[in-house]
Amino acid sequence: MAGMKRGVLVAFTLMLVAILLSACNQPYSQAPSITNTPINPDSLFATPIVGATGLSEVQIFASQTAQAANPVTAIVSSPTGGVILTPLAVTATSTPIVSLPASPTPTSTLAVPPSVSASTLAPSGPNPSTYPLQSEEFPYCIARRFNVDPTDLLAASNLDSPDIYYAGMVLTIPQNSVWPTQDLGPRALRTHPASYTVTGDADTTVYGVACKFGDVTPNSIVSANSTINLGSTLTPGQSLSIP
């Protein structure tokens, strides 16, 4: 009985030694390979993206930042996988310059009406039957110039007041009338010949200057000053010879 137990124990011991020796001969297990799985940048909890991505998130961010700072920069991938920022050539486009026509400068020259002759403006001999007022002229001025009574001039022109007048108004000149020296004084308002300096007060035309002297005609002033004509615009400070 004792011999049988001893035989079983020896058999179990041999089996255990055999198992241990068999385990020592097995090769070492290899470590599992590590695979980087790309992550969806839109969500950390979404399904991983299958397949490799192009530029890394850091590279893309750096490229976009550089492009925003310098809009004329091209993003080119290098053979090694890096990013090259290549400046683009900028071609300047010339802007055509359009020349605008110069604004016309208004000229305040007084044109003599075509129907009025120079002899009418500067009468010699019989008075004309009618006369159109020019700029800065008035009925009493014309009465002095043509040596007629201003009351007769107003009546012939159907005017109730010497204050009613305007440039272009046609006056009727009475033929049998004389300036009333005893009642209104001499026709001349100033002594002449003289030198007259333009003031700008109703004397910027030759007609206005003639009215300052009363019995002087516009044509006689033009004849005494070679630099002006009947349509000239006179300026303050300008000096004229009055015959």
Protein backbone atom coordinates (compact mmCIF):
# COMPACT_ATOMS: atom_id res chain seq x y z
CA MET A 1 0.00 0.00 0.00
CA ALA A 2 2.77 2.38 0.95
CA GLY A 3 4.69 1.42 -2.17
CA MET A 4 1.70 2.37 -4.37
CA LYS A 5 1.45 5.89 -2.88
CA ARG A 6 5.12 6.43 -3.36
CA GLY A 7 4.84 5.47 -7.01
CA VAL A 8 1.99 7.97 -7.62
CA LEU A 9 3.95 10.79 -5.95
CA VAL A 10 7.01 10.09 -8.09
CA ALA A 11 4.89 10.07 -11.22
CA PHE A 12 3.28 13.46 -10.33
CA THR A 13 6.65 14.97 -9.59
CA LEU A 14 8.05 13.86 -12.94
CA MET A 15 5.03 15.30 -14.77
CA LEU A 16 5.45 18.67 -13.02
CA VAL A 17 9.16 18.80 -13.92
CA ALA A 18 8.32 18.04 -17.54
CA ILE A 19 5.78 20.90 -17.68
CA LEU A 20 8.26 23.37 -16.22
CA LEU A 21 10.96 22.38 -18.67
CA SER A 22 8.54 22.75 -21.56
CA ALA A 23 7.60 26.31 -20.45
CA CYS A 24 11.27 27.37 -20.34
CA ASN A 25 11.77 26.49 -24.02
CA GLN A 26 8.84 28.72 -25.33
CA PRO A 27 10.04 32.01 -27.18
CA TYR A 28 9.40 35.39 -25.61
CA SER A 29 6.18 37.06 -26.80
CA GLN A 30 6.63 40.23 -28.93
CA ALA A 31 5.24 43.58 -27.80
CA PRO A 32 2.15 44.69 -29.72
CA SER A 33 2.82 47.30 -32.42
CA ILE A 34 1.51 50.81 -31.71
CA THR A 35 -0.56 52.40 -34.47
CA ASN A 36 -1.33 56.15 -34.41
CA THR A 37 -4.98 56.54 -35.18
CA PRO A 38 -5.88 59.97 -36.66
CA ILE A 39 -8.47 61.86 -34.72
CA ASN A 40 -11.33 63.77 -36.31
CA PRO A 41 -10.59 67.47 -35.51
CA ASP A 42 -14.30 68.28 -35.50
CA SER A 43 -15.11 66.04 -32.55
CA LEU A 44 -13.02 64.10 -30.05
CA PHE A 45 -15.92 61.65 -29.65
CA ALA A 46 -16.59 60.97 -33.33
CA THR A 47 -15.53 57.88 -35.21
CA PRO A 48 -11.77 57.98 -36.00
CA ILE A 49 -10.92 58.96 -39.59
CA VAL A 50 -9.70 56.02 -41.64
CA GLY A 51 -6.63 56.78 -43.69
CA ALA A 52 -3.77 59.23 -43.35
CA THR A 53 -4.33 62.99 -43.34
CA GLY A 54 -2.21 65.51 -45.26
CA LEU A 55 -0.73 68.32 -43.22
CA SER A 56 -0.86 68.06 -39.47
CA GLU A 57 -3.20 70.33 -37.57
CA VAL A 58 -0.22 72.41 -36.39
CA GLN A 59 1.05 72.82 -39.97
CA ILE A 60 -2.37 73.79 -41.27
CA PHE A 61 -2.83 76.34 -38.51
CA ALA A 62 0.62 77.81 -39.13
CA SER A 63 -0.05 78.01 -42.89
CA GLN A 64 -3.40 79.72 -42.47
CA THR A 65 -1.96 82.21 -40.00
CA ALA A 66 0.90 83.09 -42.33
CA GLN A 67 -1.47 83.47 -45.27
CA ALA A 68 -3.80 85.74 -43.29
CA ALA A 69 -0.87 87.95 -42.27
CA ASN A 70 0.44 88.08 -45.83
CA PRO A 71 -2.36 87.62 -48.39
CA VAL A 72 0.06 87.45 -51.34
CA THR A 73 1.67 84.20 -50.16
CA ALA A 74 1.24 80.78 -51.78
CA ILE A 75 1.28 77.60 -49.64
CA VAL A 76 3.46 74.90 -51.24
CA SER A 77 4.20 71.52 -49.67
CA SER A 78 7.88 70.61 -49.72
CA PRO A 79 9.07 67.12 -50.65
CA THR A 80 9.86 66.45 -46.99
CA GLY A 81 6.31 67.18 -45.91
CA GLY A 82 6.96 70.70 -44.63
CA VAL A 83 5.28 73.92 -45.68
CA ILE A 84 6.97 76.57 -47.85
CA LEU A 85 5.45 80.05 -48.00
CA THR A 86 6.24 81.45 -51.42
CA PRO A 87 5.61 85.21 -52.00
CA LEU A 88 3.61 85.89 -55.12
CA ALA A 89 4.58 88.64 -57.53
CA VAL A 90 2.16 91.53 -57.39
CA THR A 91 1.54 93.41 -60.60
CA ALA A 92 0.55 97.03 -60.08
CA THR A 93 -2.32 98.18 -62.24
CA SER A 94 -2.04 101.77 -63.30
CA THR A 95 -5.15 103.88 -62.86
CA PRO A 96 -5.89 106.14 -65.82
CA ILE A 97 -6.06 109.82 -64.99
CA VAL A 98 -9.04 111.53 -66.52
CA SER A 99 -8.57 115.21 -67.16
CA LEU A 100 -11.70 117.21 -66.52
CA PRO A 101 -12.35 120.24 -68.67
CA ALA A 102 -11.65 123.49 -66.94
CA SER A 103 -14.73 125.30 -65.73
CA PRO A 104 -15.43 128.33 -67.84
CA THR A 105 -14.72 131.59 -66.05
CA PRO A 106 -17.70 133.86 -66.18
CA THR A 107 -16.90 137.13 -67.85
CA SER A 108 -18.98 140.06 -66.85
CA THR A 109 -18.29 142.05 -69.96
CA LEU A 110 -21.10 144.11 -71.34
CA ALA A 111 -21.93 143.48 -74.96
CA VAL A 112 -23.41 146.28 -76.96
CA PRO A 113 -26.74 145.21 -78.50
CA PRO A 114 -26.37 144.57 -82.26
CA SER A 115 -29.10 147.06 -83.02
CA VAL A 116 -27.23 149.88 -81.24
CA SER A 117 -24.47 151.56 -83.18
CA ALA A 118 -21.48 153.34 -81.69
CA SER A 119 -22.81 156.65 -82.96
CA THR A 120 -25.99 156.06 -80.93
CA LEU A 121 -23.99 155.51 -77.74
CA ALA A 122 -21.88 158.58 -78.44
CA PRO A 123 -24.17 160.93 -80.35
CA SER A 124 -22.84 163.71 -82.45
CA GLY A 125 -25.33 166.09 -83.91
CA PRO A 126 -29.08 165.38 -83.52
CA ASN A 127 -30.10 163.09 -80.70
CA PRO A 128 -31.26 159.55 -81.57
CA SER A 129 -34.95 158.85 -81.26
CA THR A 130 -34.43 155.96 -78.82
CA TYR A 131 -31.67 154.70 -76.56
CA PRO A 132 -31.34 151.35 -74.68
CA LEU A 133 -29.97 151.69 -71.15
CA GLN A 134 -26.69 149.88 -70.51
CA SER A 135 -25.38 148.43 -67.23
CA GLU A 136 -24.88 151.11 -64.52
CA GLU A 137 -26.81 153.76 -66.51
CA PHE A 138 -30.04 155.53 -65.42
CA PRO A 139 -32.48 158.03 -67.00
CA TYR A 140 -31.06 161.22 -65.42
CA CYS A 141 -27.60 160.19 -66.66
CA ILE A 142 -28.95 159.92 -70.23
CA ALA A 143 -30.74 163.27 -69.92
CA ARG A 144 -27.41 164.91 -69.03
CA ARG A 145 -25.57 163.13 -71.83
CA PHE A 146 -28.06 164.10 -74.53
CA ASN A 147 -28.67 167.57 -73.06
CA VAL A 148 -32.42 167.14 -72.59
CA ASP A 149 -34.77 167.96 -69.74
CA PRO A 150 -35.15 164.82 -67.56
CA THR A 151 -38.86 165.55 -67.08
CA ASP A 152 -39.38 165.53 -70.84
CA LEU A 153 -37.34 162.30 -71.11
CA LEU A 154 -39.49 160.54 -68.52
CA ALA A 155 -42.70 161.73 -70.15
CA ALA A 156 -41.59 160.65 -73.64
CA SER A 157 -40.57 157.22 -72.27
CA ASN A 158 -43.84 156.80 -70.30
CA LEU A 159 -42.00 156.61 -66.97
CA ASP A 160 -43.54 157.98 -63.77
CA SER A 161 -40.29 157.87 -61.76
CA PRO A 162 -36.59 158.21 -62.61
CA ASP A 163 -35.95 155.32 -60.22
CA ILE A 164 -37.71 152.81 -62.49
CA TYR A 165 -35.04 151.56 -64.87
CA TYR A 166 -33.02 148.49 -65.80
CA ALA A 167 -30.38 147.54 -68.33
CA GLY A 168 -32.02 147.05 -71.70
CA MET A 169 -34.89 149.46 -71.08
CA VAL A 170 -35.43 151.56 -74.20
CA LEU A 171 -35.85 155.29 -73.58
CA THR A 172 -37.47 157.68 -76.01
CA ILE A 173 -35.27 160.75 -76.46
CA PRO A 174 -37.21 164.02 -76.93
CA GLN A 175 -35.96 166.10 -79.87
CA ASN A 176 -37.00 169.59 -78.76
CA SER A 177 -35.78 169.70 -75.19
CA VAL A 178 -32.80 171.23 -73.37
CA TRP A 179 -31.23 170.49 -69.98
CA PRO A 180 -32.62 173.09 -67.49
CA THR A 181 -29.35 174.54 -66.19
CA GLN A 182 -31.09 177.24 -64.13
CA ASP A 183 -33.11 174.65 -62.19
CA LEU A 184 -30.73 171.62 -62.04
CA GLY A 185 -27.30 173.18 -62.45
CA PRO A 186 -24.71 172.32 -65.10
CA ARG A 187 -24.86 169.00 -66.96
CA ALA A 188 -21.35 168.05 -65.81
CA LEU A 189 -21.18 166.33 -62.42
CA ARG A 190 -17.36 166.49 -62.23
CA THR A 191 -14.70 168.66 -63.69
CA HIS A 192 -12.81 167.23 -66.68
CA PRO A 193 -10.48 166.54 -68.37
CA ALA A 194 -9.28 164.54 -65.42
CA SER A 195 -7.91 161.20 -64.28
CA TYR A 196 -10.47 158.89 -62.71
CA THR A 197 -9.78 155.92 -60.42
CA VAL A 198 -12.35 153.12 -60.51
CA THR A 199 -13.92 152.49 -57.07
CA GLY A 200 -16.22 149.55 -57.81
CA ASP A 201 -19.33 151.62 -56.96
CA ALA A 202 -21.43 151.60 -60.16
CA ASP A 203 -18.33 152.36 -62.24
CA THR A 204 -17.11 148.94 -63.43
CA THR A 205 -18.34 149.66 -66.96
CA VAL A 206 -17.40 152.49 -69.31
CA TYR A 207 -21.07 153.53 -69.25
CA GLY A 208 -21.02 153.84 -65.46
CA VAL A 209 -17.90 156.01 -65.54
CA ALA A 210 -19.51 158.26 -68.16
CA CYS A 211 -22.51 158.71 -65.85
CA LYS A 212 -20.14 159.82 -63.05
CA PHE A 213 -19.26 162.83 -65.22
CA GLY A 214 -22.72 163.42 -66.72
CA ASP A 215 -21.90 165.12 -70.00
CA VAL A 216 -19.09 162.72 -71.09
CA THR A 217 -19.93 160.02 -73.66
CA PRO A 218 -18.72 156.41 -73.34
CA ASN A 219 -17.08 156.59 -76.79
CA SER A 220 -14.99 159.61 -75.79
CA ILE A 221 -13.67 157.72 -72.74
CA VAL A 222 -12.73 154.72 -74.92
CA SER A 223 -10.94 157.04 -77.37
CA ALA A 224 -8.87 158.49 -74.51
CA ASN A 225 -7.85 155.04 -73.17
CA SER A 226 -6.35 152.63 -75.68
CA THR A 227 -6.51 149.59 -73.31
CA ILE A 228 -10.30 149.46 -73.00
CA ASN A 229 -13.38 149.19 -75.22
CA LEU A 230 -17.11 149.65 -74.76
CA GLY A 231 -17.48 146.10 -73.41
CA SER A 232 -14.57 146.21 -70.93
CA THR A 233 -15.06 145.28 -67.29
CA LEU A 234 -13.20 147.77 -65.12
CA THR A 235 -11.57 146.84 -61.81
CA PRO A 236 -11.26 148.89 -58.62
CA GLY A 237 -8.03 150.88 -58.60
CA GLN A 238 -7.86 151.09 -62.40
CA SER A 239 -7.02 154.58 -63.64
CA LEU A 240 -8.74 156.17 -66.66
CA SER A 241 -8.21 159.35 -68.58
CA ILE A 242 -11.39 161.41 -68.90
CA PRO A 243 -11.40 163.86 -71.85
